[in-house]
Amino acid sequence: MKALIKRFKADEDGATAIEYGLIAALIAVAIIAAVRAVGTSLSTTFNSIDAAI
């Protein structure tokens, strides 16, 4: 039983998967923020062009 508990405590596969999931979520949030910023800027540019035409 002690060997099973030691092996369970040493197993870090689940923690690694969670860390990768958190990293992927942070990257997704950064991409969404960048796309929104570029989208707003692009929308302003197109509206300026539309007004000029």
C-alpha atoms as a PDB file:
ATOM      1  CA  MET A   1       0.000   0.000   0.000  1.00  0.00           C
ATOM      2  CA  LYS A   2       2.866   2.386   0.810  1.00  0.00           C
ATOM      3  CA  ALA A   3       4.386   1.734  -2.598  1.00  0.00           C
ATOM      4  CA  LEU A   4       1.094   2.638  -4.259  1.00  0.00           C
ATOM      5  CA  ILE A   5       0.872   5.920  -2.332  1.00  0.00           C
ATOM      6  CA  LYS A   6       4.502   6.798  -3.154  1.00  0.00           C
ATOM      7  CA  ARG A   7       3.896   6.073  -6.831  1.00  0.00           C
ATOM      8  CA  PHE A   8       0.731   8.181  -6.793  1.00  0.00           C
ATOM      9  CA  LYS A   9       2.539  11.124  -5.191  1.00  0.00           C
ATOM     10  CA  ALA A  10       5.403  10.897  -7.707  1.00  0.00           C
ATOM     11  CA  ASP A  11       3.048  10.789 -10.729  1.00  0.00           C
ATOM     12  CA  GLU A  12       2.942  14.265 -12.286  1.00  0.00           C
ATOM     13  CA  ASP A  13       1.207  13.486 -15.594  1.00  0.00           C
ATOM     14  CA  GLY A  14      -2.053  15.107 -14.502  1.00  0.00           C
ATOM     15  CA  ALA A  15      -0.288  18.238 -13.290  1.00  0.00           C
ATOM     16  CA  THR A  16       1.578  18.514 -16.579  1.00  0.00           C
ATOM     17  CA  ALA A  17      -1.658  18.218 -18.546  1.00  0.00           C
ATOM     18  CA  ILE A  18      -3.258  20.944 -16.442  1.00  0.00           C
ATOM     19  CA  GLU A  19      -0.253  23.215 -16.968  1.00  0.00           C
ATOM     20  CA  TYR A  20      -0.431  22.708 -20.732  1.00  0.00           C
ATOM     21  CA  GLY A  21      -4.151  23.474 -20.614  1.00  0.00           C
ATOM     22  CA  LEU A  22      -3.535  26.716 -18.719  1.00  0.00           C
ATOM     23  CA  ILE A  23      -0.812  27.752 -21.162  1.00  0.00           C
ATOM     24  CA  ALA A  24      -3.131  27.045 -24.109  1.00  0.00           C
ATOM     25  CA  ALA A  25      -5.902  29.100 -22.463  1.00  0.00           C
ATOM     26  CA  LEU A  26      -3.550  32.056 -21.897  1.00  0.00           C
ATOM     27  CA  ILE A  27      -2.381  31.920 -25.509  1.00  0.00           C
ATOM     28  CA  ALA A  28      -6.007  31.855 -26.670  1.00  0.00           C
ATOM     29  CA  VAL A  29      -6.827  34.912 -24.546  1.00  0.00           C
ATOM     30  CA  ALA A  30      -3.812  36.762 -25.977  1.00  0.00           C
ATOM     31  CA  ILE A  31      -4.859  35.907 -29.539  1.00  0.00           C
ATOM     32  CA  ILE A  32      -8.430  37.052 -28.913  1.00  0.00           C
ATOM     33  CA  ALA A  33      -7.204  40.346 -27.450  1.00  0.00           C
ATOM     34  CA  ALA A  34      -4.876  40.928 -30.414  1.00  0.00           C
ATOM     35  CA  VAL A  35      -7.591  40.137 -32.961  1.00  0.00           C
ATOM     36  CA  ARG A  36     -10.024  42.488 -31.234  1.00  0.00           C
ATOM     37  CA  ALA A  37      -7.460  45.305 -31.202  1.00  0.00           C
ATOM     38  CA  VAL A  38      -6.613  44.819 -34.876  1.00  0.00           C
ATOM     39  CA  GLY A  39     -10.295  44.473 -35.742  1.00  0.00           C
ATOM     40  CA  THR A  40     -11.165  47.779 -34.086  1.00  0.00           C
ATOM     41  CA  SER A  41      -8.264  49.527 -35.800  1.00  0.00           C
ATOM     42  CA  LEU A  42      -9.166  48.012 -39.142  1.00  0.00           C
ATOM     43  CA  SER A  43     -12.801  49.002 -38.731  1.00  0.00           C
ATOM     44  CA  THR A  44     -11.775  52.601 -38.023  1.00  0.00           C
ATOM     45  CA  THR A  45      -9.550  52.622 -41.098  1.00  0.00           C
ATOM     46  CA  PHE A  46     -12.320  51.303 -43.339  1.00  0.00           C
ATOM     47  CA  ASN A  47     -14.797  53.824 -41.928  1.00  0.00           C
ATOM     48  CA  SER A  48     -12.327  56.626 -42.692  1.00  0.00           C
ATOM     49  CA  ILE A  49     -11.908  55.369 -46.257  1.00  0.00           C
ATOM     50  CA  ASP A  50     -15.669  55.053 -46.626  1.00  0.00           C
ATOM     51  CA  ALA A  51     -16.183  58.633 -45.432  1.00  0.00           C
ATOM     52  CA  ALA A  52     -13.502  59.891 -47.806  1.00  0.00           C
ATOM     53  CA  ILE A  53     -15.120  58.194 -50.782  1.00  0.00           C
END
